[in-house]
Amino acid sequence: MKCPFCGYSESKVIDSRPADERSSIRRRRECLSCGKRFTTYETVESLPMVVVKKDGSRQSFDRRKVLGGMIRACEKRPVSLVELEQITDEIEQELQNYMEREISSAEIGEKVMERIRGVDQVAYVRFASVYRQFKDIDTFMAELNKLLADK
C-alpha cells in the first residue's frame, strides 16, 4: 500500500477491524519510511451489473435509483431511511449473488415490490402504481383487491 504522505510503497498493518456492518475491513497502517499513519478500507470487488430496460436499452445498475424509488413511495409514511437502505442492500446483494451481469428492470422492480409490500402497504400500492403504470382506476382497484385478498 502506497503511503499518501511520502509515496513509499511499504507499510505495516497496526490494527484491523470490520467496518460498514462487516462488508469491509478498516486497516490502520504505518508507513515504514516516514512513520506516519493512515487508514485503508478493503472490500470485496463486485462485478458491474447492467440493467436491461423495458425498451431494450442498457445502463449500469445504480442502487441510488432503487433507493430513490422506495423513498418516493414511502413519503409521509412511517418507514425509516435505515430500513429502506437495508432493503436496497438486500436487493443488491441478491442480484450480485445471481452471477448474471445483465438484469432486467422488471426483475428489480418485482424484488422491490416484494420487499416493500411487507414494510408498508400504502407504499407498496404507490410503488406498484408507478412501476406497473396503472392506466385507469380499474387496474388500480384490481391491485388493491389482490392486496386485500392476501390479508
N, C-alpha and C. Protein backbone atom coordinates (compact mmCIF):
# COMPACT_ATOMS: atom_id res chain seq x y z
N MET A 1 0.85 -1.17 0.00
CA MET A 1 0.00 0.00 0.00
C MET A 1 0.89 1.24 0.00
N LYS A 2 0.66 2.14 -0.91
CA LYS A 2 1.47 3.34 -1.07
C LYS A 2 1.09 4.38 -0.01
N CYS A 3 2.07 4.93 0.66
CA CYS A 3 1.84 5.95 1.69
C CYS A 3 1.33 7.24 1.03
N PRO A 4 0.22 7.80 1.54
CA PRO A 4 -0.31 9.04 0.95
C PRO A 4 0.54 10.27 1.27
N PHE A 5 1.46 10.14 2.22
CA PHE A 5 2.29 11.28 2.63
C PHE A 5 3.61 11.35 1.87
N CYS A 6 4.33 10.20 1.81
CA CYS A 6 5.65 10.24 1.17
C CYS A 6 5.75 9.38 -0.09
N GLY A 7 4.71 8.56 -0.35
CA GLY A 7 4.69 7.74 -1.56
C GLY A 7 5.42 6.42 -1.45
N TYR A 8 5.99 6.13 -0.30
CA TYR A 8 6.71 4.87 -0.09
C TYR A 8 5.71 3.71 -0.18
N SER A 9 6.13 2.60 -0.79
CA SER A 9 5.18 1.52 -1.06
C SER A 9 5.10 0.45 0.02
N GLU A 10 5.85 0.58 1.10
CA GLU A 10 5.81 -0.42 2.17
C GLU A 10 5.20 0.18 3.43
N SER A 11 4.26 -0.59 4.03
CA SER A 11 3.67 -0.17 5.29
C SER A 11 3.32 -1.41 6.09
N LYS A 12 3.10 -1.20 7.38
CA LYS A 12 2.69 -2.33 8.20
C LYS A 12 1.30 -2.05 8.76
N VAL A 13 0.53 -3.13 8.93
CA VAL A 13 -0.82 -3.01 9.48
C VAL A 13 -0.72 -2.98 10.99
N ILE A 14 -1.30 -1.94 11.60
CA ILE A 14 -1.28 -1.78 13.05
C ILE A 14 -2.56 -2.35 13.67
N ASP A 15 -3.69 -2.13 12.98
CA ASP A 15 -4.98 -2.55 13.53
C ASP A 15 -5.92 -2.87 12.38
N SER A 16 -6.72 -3.93 12.54
CA SER A 16 -7.76 -4.29 11.56
C SER A 16 -9.06 -4.51 12.30
N ARG A 17 -10.14 -4.03 11.71
CA ARG A 17 -11.46 -4.28 12.30
C ARG A 17 -12.54 -4.17 11.22
N PRO A 18 -13.67 -4.85 11.43
CA PRO A 18 -14.76 -4.78 10.46
C PRO A 18 -15.32 -3.36 10.38
N ALA A 19 -15.80 -2.99 9.22
CA ALA A 19 -16.42 -1.68 9.01
C ALA A 19 -17.65 -1.86 8.14
N ASP A 20 -18.51 -0.85 8.10
CA ASP A 20 -19.72 -0.86 7.26
C ASP A 20 -20.51 -2.14 7.43
N GLU A 21 -20.85 -2.44 8.69
CA GLU A 21 -21.63 -3.63 9.01
C GLU A 21 -21.02 -4.90 8.43
N ARG A 22 -19.71 -5.01 8.57
CA ARG A 22 -18.93 -6.18 8.18
C ARG A 22 -18.82 -6.40 6.67
N SER A 23 -19.13 -5.37 5.87
CA SER A 23 -18.98 -5.51 4.43
C SER A 23 -17.60 -5.08 3.95
N SER A 24 -16.82 -4.50 4.86
CA SER A 24 -15.44 -4.13 4.52
C SER A 24 -14.58 -4.22 5.79
N ILE A 25 -13.27 -4.11 5.59
CA ILE A 25 -12.33 -4.15 6.70
C ILE A 25 -11.56 -2.84 6.72
N ARG A 26 -11.51 -2.23 7.89
CA ARG A 26 -10.77 -0.98 8.09
C ARG A 26 -9.40 -1.36 8.63
N ARG A 27 -8.35 -0.84 8.00
CA ARG A 27 -6.99 -1.14 8.45
C ARG A 27 -6.25 0.17 8.74
N ARG A 28 -5.64 0.23 9.93
CA ARG A 28 -4.73 1.33 10.26
C ARG A 28 -3.34 0.87 9.88
N ARG A 29 -2.65 1.69 9.13
CA ARG A 29 -1.31 1.33 8.65
C ARG A 29 -0.31 2.39 9.08
N GLU A 30 0.95 1.95 9.13
CA GLU A 30 2.04 2.87 9.43
C GLU A 30 3.09 2.72 8.34
N CYS A 31 3.47 3.84 7.75
CA CYS A 31 4.49 3.85 6.70
C CYS A 31 5.84 3.45 7.31
N LEU A 32 6.55 2.55 6.62
CA LEU A 32 7.86 2.10 7.11
C LEU A 32 8.97 3.10 6.81
N SER A 33 8.65 4.12 6.01
CA SER A 33 9.66 5.13 5.69
C SER A 33 9.50 6.37 6.58
N CYS A 34 8.33 7.02 6.53
CA CYS A 34 8.14 8.27 7.26
C CYS A 34 7.48 8.09 8.63
N GLY A 35 6.90 6.91 8.87
CA GLY A 35 6.30 6.63 10.17
C GLY A 35 4.91 7.19 10.38
N LYS A 36 4.36 7.88 9.38
CA LYS A 36 3.01 8.44 9.53
C LYS A 36 1.98 7.33 9.37
N ARG A 37 0.82 7.54 9.98
CA ARG A 37 -0.25 6.55 9.95
C ARG A 37 -1.38 6.99 9.03
N PHE A 38 -2.01 6.00 8.41
CA PHE A 38 -3.15 6.27 7.53
C PHE A 38 -4.10 5.08 7.57
N THR A 39 -5.31 5.29 7.09
CA THR A 39 -6.35 4.26 7.12
C THR A 39 -6.70 3.82 5.71
N THR A 40 -6.88 2.51 5.55
CA THR A 40 -7.35 1.97 4.27
C THR A 40 -8.57 1.11 4.54
N TYR A 41 -9.37 0.90 3.50
CA TYR A 41 -10.54 0.04 3.59
C TYR A 41 -10.44 -1.03 2.52
N GLU A 42 -10.73 -2.25 2.89
CA GLU A 42 -10.68 -3.38 1.97
C GLU A 42 -12.09 -3.91 1.80
N THR A 43 -12.54 -4.01 0.55
CA THR A 43 -13.87 -4.55 0.26
C THR A 43 -13.77 -5.62 -0.82
N VAL A 44 -14.79 -6.44 -0.89
CA VAL A 44 -14.85 -7.45 -1.93
C VAL A 44 -15.21 -6.76 -3.23
N GLU A 45 -14.49 -7.08 -4.26
CA GLU A 45 -14.76 -6.47 -5.56
C GLU A 45 -16.02 -7.09 -6.14
N SER A 46 -16.97 -6.23 -6.52
CA SER A 46 -18.20 -6.74 -7.11
C SER A 46 -18.17 -6.47 -8.61
N LEU A 47 -18.70 -7.41 -9.35
CA LEU A 47 -18.75 -7.27 -10.80
C LEU A 47 -19.83 -6.27 -11.18
N PRO A 48 -19.59 -5.45 -12.18
CA PRO A 48 -20.60 -4.47 -12.57
C PRO A 48 -21.84 -5.15 -13.15
N MET A 49 -23.00 -4.65 -12.78
CA MET A 49 -24.26 -5.18 -13.30
C MET A 49 -24.85 -4.18 -14.29
N VAL A 50 -25.47 -4.71 -15.32
CA VAL A 50 -26.13 -3.88 -16.32
C VAL A 50 -27.63 -4.16 -16.26
N VAL A 51 -28.41 -3.09 -16.23
CA VAL A 51 -29.87 -3.21 -16.19
C VAL A 51 -30.40 -3.09 -17.61
N VAL A 52 -31.21 -4.07 -18.01
CA VAL A 52 -31.85 -4.05 -19.32
C VAL A 52 -33.24 -3.46 -19.13
N LYS A 53 -33.46 -2.27 -19.70
CA LYS A 53 -34.72 -1.56 -19.54
C LYS A 53 -35.80 -2.16 -20.44
N LYS A 54 -37.05 -1.73 -20.22
CA LYS A 54 -38.18 -2.25 -21.00
C LYS A 54 -38.02 -2.01 -22.50
N ASP A 55 -37.39 -0.89 -22.84
CA ASP A 55 -37.21 -0.56 -24.26
C ASP A 55 -35.99 -1.25 -24.88
N GLY A 56 -35.28 -2.07 -24.08
CA GLY A 56 -34.11 -2.79 -24.58
C GLY A 56 -32.79 -2.07 -24.36
N SER A 57 -32.86 -0.82 -23.93
CA SER A 57 -31.61 -0.09 -23.67
C SER A 57 -30.95 -0.64 -22.40
N ARG A 58 -29.68 -0.37 -22.27
CA ARG A 58 -28.92 -0.88 -21.14
C ARG A 58 -28.23 0.28 -20.42
N GLN A 59 -28.17 0.15 -19.08
CA GLN A 59 -27.44 1.12 -18.29
C GLN A 59 -26.91 0.44 -17.03
N SER A 60 -25.90 1.03 -16.44
CA SER A 60 -25.30 0.46 -15.23
C SER A 60 -26.30 0.46 -14.08
N PHE A 61 -26.23 -0.59 -13.27
CA PHE A 61 -27.07 -0.66 -12.08
C PHE A 61 -26.70 0.47 -11.14
N ASP A 62 -27.71 1.17 -10.64
CA ASP A 62 -27.49 2.28 -9.72
C ASP A 62 -28.39 2.09 -8.51
N ARG A 63 -27.81 1.71 -7.40
CA ARG A 63 -28.59 1.45 -6.19
C ARG A 63 -29.33 2.70 -5.72
N ARG A 64 -28.81 3.88 -6.06
CA ARG A 64 -29.50 5.12 -5.67
C ARG A 64 -30.86 5.23 -6.33
N LYS A 65 -31.01 4.69 -7.54
CA LYS A 65 -32.32 4.72 -8.21
C LYS A 65 -33.31 3.81 -7.49
N VAL A 66 -32.84 2.65 -7.06
CA VAL A 66 -33.71 1.73 -6.32
C VAL A 66 -34.15 2.39 -5.02
N LEU A 67 -33.18 2.94 -4.29
CA LEU A 67 -33.48 3.60 -3.02
C LEU A 67 -34.38 4.82 -3.23
N GLY A 68 -34.11 5.60 -4.26
CA GLY A 68 -34.92 6.79 -4.54
C GLY A 68 -36.36 6.46 -4.83
N GLY A 69 -36.60 5.38 -5.58
CA GLY A 69 -37.97 4.96 -5.87
C GLY A 69 -38.71 4.55 -4.61
N MET A 70 -38.02 3.87 -3.72
CA MET A 70 -38.65 3.47 -2.46
C MET A 70 -38.89 4.67 -1.55
N ILE A 71 -37.96 5.61 -1.55
CA ILE A 71 -38.14 6.82 -0.72
C ILE A 71 -39.37 7.59 -1.19
N ARG A 72 -39.54 7.73 -2.49
CA ARG A 72 -40.72 8.43 -3.02
C ARG A 72 -42.01 7.70 -2.64
N ALA A 73 -41.99 6.37 -2.73
CA ALA A 73 -43.17 5.58 -2.38
C ALA A 73 -43.51 5.67 -0.90
N CYS A 74 -42.50 5.83 -0.07
CA CYS A 74 -42.68 5.86 1.38
C CYS A 74 -42.80 7.27 1.95
N GLU A 75 -42.91 8.26 1.06
CA GLU A 75 -43.01 9.63 1.52
C GLU A 75 -44.22 9.80 2.45
N LYS A 76 -43.98 10.43 3.60
CA LYS A 76 -45.01 10.66 4.63
C LYS A 76 -45.59 9.36 5.19
N ARG A 77 -44.79 8.31 5.16
CA ARG A 77 -45.17 7.02 5.73
C ARG A 77 -44.19 6.70 6.86
N PRO A 78 -44.60 5.87 7.82
CA PRO A 78 -43.73 5.57 8.96
C PRO A 78 -42.67 4.51 8.65
N VAL A 79 -41.87 4.77 7.62
CA VAL A 79 -40.81 3.84 7.23
C VAL A 79 -39.49 4.60 7.31
N SER A 80 -38.54 4.04 8.05
CA SER A 80 -37.27 4.74 8.24
C SER A 80 -36.35 4.58 7.03
N LEU A 81 -35.48 5.56 6.87
CA LEU A 81 -34.50 5.52 5.80
C LEU A 81 -33.55 4.35 6.00
N VAL A 82 -33.24 4.04 7.25
CA VAL A 82 -32.36 2.91 7.56
C VAL A 82 -32.97 1.61 7.03
N GLU A 83 -34.27 1.46 7.22
CA GLU A 83 -34.96 0.26 6.74
C GLU A 83 -34.92 0.17 5.21
N LEU A 84 -35.12 1.31 4.54
CA LEU A 84 -35.08 1.33 3.08
C LEU A 84 -33.67 1.05 2.56
N GLU A 85 -32.66 1.56 3.24
CA GLU A 85 -31.27 1.27 2.85
C GLU A 85 -30.95 -0.21 3.03
N GLN A 86 -31.49 -0.80 4.08
CA GLN A 86 -31.28 -2.23 4.33
C GLN A 86 -31.93 -3.06 3.22
N ILE A 87 -33.14 -2.68 2.82
CA ILE A 87 -33.82 -3.38 1.72
C ILE A 87 -33.00 -3.25 0.44
N THR A 88 -32.49 -2.05 0.19
CA THR A 88 -31.67 -1.82 -1.00
C THR A 88 -30.42 -2.70 -0.97
N ASP A 89 -29.78 -2.78 0.19
CA ASP A 89 -28.60 -3.65 0.34
C ASP A 89 -28.95 -5.10 0.05
N GLU A 90 -30.09 -5.56 0.58
CA GLU A 90 -30.52 -6.95 0.37
C GLU A 90 -30.77 -7.23 -1.11
N ILE A 91 -31.44 -6.31 -1.78
CA ILE A 91 -31.73 -6.49 -3.21
C ILE A 91 -30.44 -6.50 -4.01
N GLU A 92 -29.54 -5.56 -3.73
CA GLU A 92 -28.27 -5.51 -4.45
C GLU A 92 -27.47 -6.79 -4.23
N GLN A 93 -27.42 -7.26 -3.00
CA GLN A 93 -26.68 -8.48 -2.70
C GLN A 93 -27.30 -9.69 -3.41
N GLU A 94 -28.61 -9.76 -3.41
CA GLU A 94 -29.30 -10.85 -4.10
C GLU A 94 -28.99 -10.85 -5.60
N LEU A 95 -28.98 -9.67 -6.19
CA LEU A 95 -28.65 -9.56 -7.62
C LEU A 95 -27.20 -9.93 -7.88
N GLN A 96 -26.30 -9.53 -6.99
CA GLN A 96 -24.88 -9.89 -7.14
C GLN A 96 -24.70 -11.41 -7.05
N ASN A 97 -25.48 -12.04 -6.19
CA ASN A 97 -25.37 -13.49 -5.99
C ASN A 97 -25.84 -14.29 -7.20
N TYR A 98 -26.65 -13.68 -8.06
CA TYR A 98 -27.11 -14.37 -9.27
C TYR A 98 -25.95 -14.70 -10.21
N MET A 99 -24.90 -13.90 -10.12
CA MET A 99 -23.74 -14.03 -11.01
C MET A 99 -24.11 -13.74 -12.47
N GLU A 100 -25.25 -13.15 -12.69
CA GLU A 100 -25.63 -12.69 -14.03
C GLU A 100 -25.23 -11.22 -14.12
N ARG A 101 -24.67 -10.83 -15.22
CA ARG A 101 -24.23 -9.44 -15.36
C ARG A 101 -25.33 -8.56 -15.93
N GLU A 102 -26.34 -9.16 -16.55
CA GLU A 102 -27.46 -8.38 -17.07
C GLU A 102 -28.73 -8.77 -16.35
N ILE A 103 -29.42 -7.77 -15.80
CA ILE A 103 -30.64 -7.99 -15.06
C ILE A 103 -31.72 -7.09 -15.64
N SER A 104 -32.91 -7.63 -15.80
CA SER A 104 -33.99 -6.82 -16.36
C SER A 104 -34.54 -5.87 -15.29
N SER A 105 -34.96 -4.71 -15.73
CA SER A 105 -35.53 -3.73 -14.79
C SER A 105 -36.81 -4.30 -14.18
N ALA A 106 -37.50 -5.17 -14.92
CA ALA A 106 -38.72 -5.79 -14.39
C ALA A 106 -38.40 -6.67 -13.18
N GLU A 107 -37.30 -7.39 -13.24
CA GLU A 107 -36.90 -8.25 -12.13
C GLU A 107 -36.56 -7.42 -10.89
N ILE A 108 -35.89 -6.31 -11.10
CA ILE A 108 -35.55 -5.43 -9.98
C ILE A 108 -36.82 -4.85 -9.37
N GLY A 109 -37.72 -4.39 -10.24
CA GLY A 109 -38.99 -3.82 -9.76
C GLY A 109 -39.80 -4.82 -8.95
N GLU A 110 -39.84 -6.07 -9.39
CA GLU A 110 -40.58 -7.11 -8.66
C GLU A 110 -39.95 -7.36 -7.29
N LYS A 111 -38.63 -7.33 -7.22
CA LYS A 111 -37.95 -7.54 -5.94
C LYS A 111 -38.25 -6.39 -4.97
N VAL A 112 -38.28 -5.16 -5.49
CA VAL A 112 -38.61 -4.01 -4.66
C VAL A 112 -40.04 -4.15 -4.14
N MET A 113 -40.97 -4.48 -5.04
CA MET A 113 -42.37 -4.60 -4.63
C MET A 113 -42.55 -5.71 -3.60
N GLU A 114 -41.86 -6.81 -3.79
CA GLU A 114 -41.94 -7.94 -2.86
C GLU A 114 -41.50 -7.50 -1.45
N ARG A 115 -40.42 -6.73 -1.37
CA ARG A 115 -39.90 -6.31 -0.08
C ARG A 115 -40.74 -5.19 0.55
N ILE A 116 -41.13 -4.24 -0.28
CA ILE A 116 -41.84 -3.07 0.26
C ILE A 116 -43.26 -3.43 0.69
N ARG A 117 -43.79 -4.47 0.10
CA ARG A 117 -45.14 -4.93 0.46
C ARG A 117 -45.20 -5.34 1.93
N GLY A 118 -44.14 -5.97 2.41
CA GLY A 118 -44.10 -6.39 3.80
C GLY A 118 -43.81 -5.26 4.77
N VAL A 119 -43.35 -4.13 4.27
CA VAL A 119 -42.99 -3.00 5.12
C VAL A 119 -44.16 -2.04 5.29
N ASP A 120 -44.81 -1.66 4.19
CA ASP A 120 -45.90 -0.68 4.25
C ASP A 120 -46.79 -0.87 3.02
N GLN A 121 -48.05 -1.20 3.25
CA GLN A 121 -48.94 -1.50 2.13
C GLN A 121 -49.29 -0.27 1.30
N VAL A 122 -49.38 0.89 1.92
CA VAL A 122 -49.64 2.11 1.16
C VAL A 122 -48.46 2.42 0.24
N ALA A 123 -47.26 2.28 0.77
CA ALA A 123 -46.05 2.49 -0.05
C ALA A 123 -46.01 1.47 -1.18
N TYR A 124 -46.42 0.25 -0.89
CA TYR A 124 -46.46 -0.79 -1.92
C TYR A 124 -47.38 -0.38 -3.07
N VAL A 125 -48.58 0.09 -2.74
CA VAL A 125 -49.53 0.49 -3.79
C VAL A 125 -48.99 1.69 -4.57
N ARG A 126 -48.36 2.62 -3.88
CA ARG A 126 -47.75 3.77 -4.57
C ARG A 126 -46.69 3.31 -5.55
N PHE A 127 -45.79 2.44 -5.07
CA PHE A 127 -44.70 1.96 -5.93
C PHE A 127 -45.28 1.17 -7.10
N ALA A 128 -46.23 0.29 -6.82
CA ALA A 128 -46.83 -0.54 -7.87
C ALA A 128 -47.54 0.32 -8.91
N SER A 129 -48.20 1.39 -8.48
CA SER A 129 -48.93 2.23 -9.44
C SER A 129 -47.99 2.89 -10.44
N VAL A 130 -46.79 3.26 -10.00
CA VAL A 130 -45.80 3.84 -10.91
C VAL A 130 -45.11 2.75 -11.71
N TYR A 131 -44.68 1.70 -11.01
CA TYR A 131 -43.92 0.63 -11.65
C TYR A 131 -44.75 -0.10 -12.71
N ARG A 132 -45.97 -0.44 -12.37
CA ARG A 132 -46.82 -1.18 -13.30
C ARG A 132 -47.60 -0.26 -14.23
N GLN A 133 -47.43 1.02 -14.07
CA GLN A 133 -48.05 2.03 -14.94
C GLN A 133 -49.56 1.82 -15.06
N PHE A 134 -50.24 1.87 -13.92
CA PHE A 134 -51.70 1.70 -13.93
C PHE A 134 -52.31 2.73 -14.87
N LYS A 135 -53.10 2.23 -15.80
CA LYS A 135 -53.69 3.09 -16.83
C LYS A 135 -54.98 3.76 -16.37
N ASP A 136 -55.73 3.06 -15.50
CA ASP A 136 -57.00 3.61 -15.05
C ASP A 136 -57.33 3.10 -13.65
N ILE A 137 -58.47 3.52 -13.13
CA ILE A 137 -58.87 3.15 -11.78
C ILE A 137 -59.15 1.66 -11.65
N ASP A 138 -59.56 1.00 -12.74
CA ASP A 138 -59.85 -0.43 -12.67
C ASP A 138 -58.60 -1.26 -12.37
N THR A 139 -57.49 -0.93 -13.02
CA THR A 139 -56.26 -1.68 -12.74
C THR A 139 -55.76 -1.38 -11.33
N PHE A 140 -55.98 -0.14 -10.89
CA PHE A 140 -55.61 0.24 -9.53
C PHE A 140 -56.44 -0.54 -8.52
N MET A 141 -57.75 -0.63 -8.75
CA MET A 141 -58.64 -1.38 -7.86
C MET A 141 -58.32 -2.87 -7.87
N ALA A 142 -57.95 -3.39 -9.01
CA ALA A 142 -57.60 -4.82 -9.10
C ALA A 142 -56.41 -5.12 -8.20
N GLU A 143 -55.42 -4.23 -8.19
CA GLU A 143 -54.25 -4.41 -7.33
C GLU A 143 -54.63 -4.30 -5.86
N LEU A 144 -55.50 -3.33 -5.54
CA LEU A 144 -55.95 -3.19 -4.16
C LEU A 144 -56.75 -4.42 -3.70
N ASN A 145 -57.61 -4.94 -4.58
CA ASN A 145 -58.39 -6.14 -4.24
C ASN A 145 -57.48 -7.35 -4.02
N LYS A 146 -56.43 -7.43 -4.82
CA LYS A 146 -55.47 -8.53 -4.66
C LYS A 146 -54.77 -8.41 -3.31
N LEU A 147 -54.43 -7.18 -2.93
CA LEU A 147 -53.79 -6.93 -1.65
C LEU A 147 -54.71 -7.28 -0.49
N LEU A 148 -56.00 -6.93 -0.62
CA LEU A 148 -56.97 -7.25 0.43
C LEU A 148 -57.22 -8.76 0.52
N ALA A 149 -57.24 -9.44 -0.60
CA ALA A 149 -57.47 -10.88 -0.62
C ALA A 149 -56.33 -11.64 0.05
N ASP A 150 -55.11 -11.11 -0.03
CA ASP A 150 -53.96 -11.77 0.58
C ASP A 150 -53.91 -11.62 2.09
N LYS A 151 -54.70 -10.70 2.63
CA LYS A 151 -54.68 -10.46 4.09
C LYS A 151 -55.20 -11.61 4.86
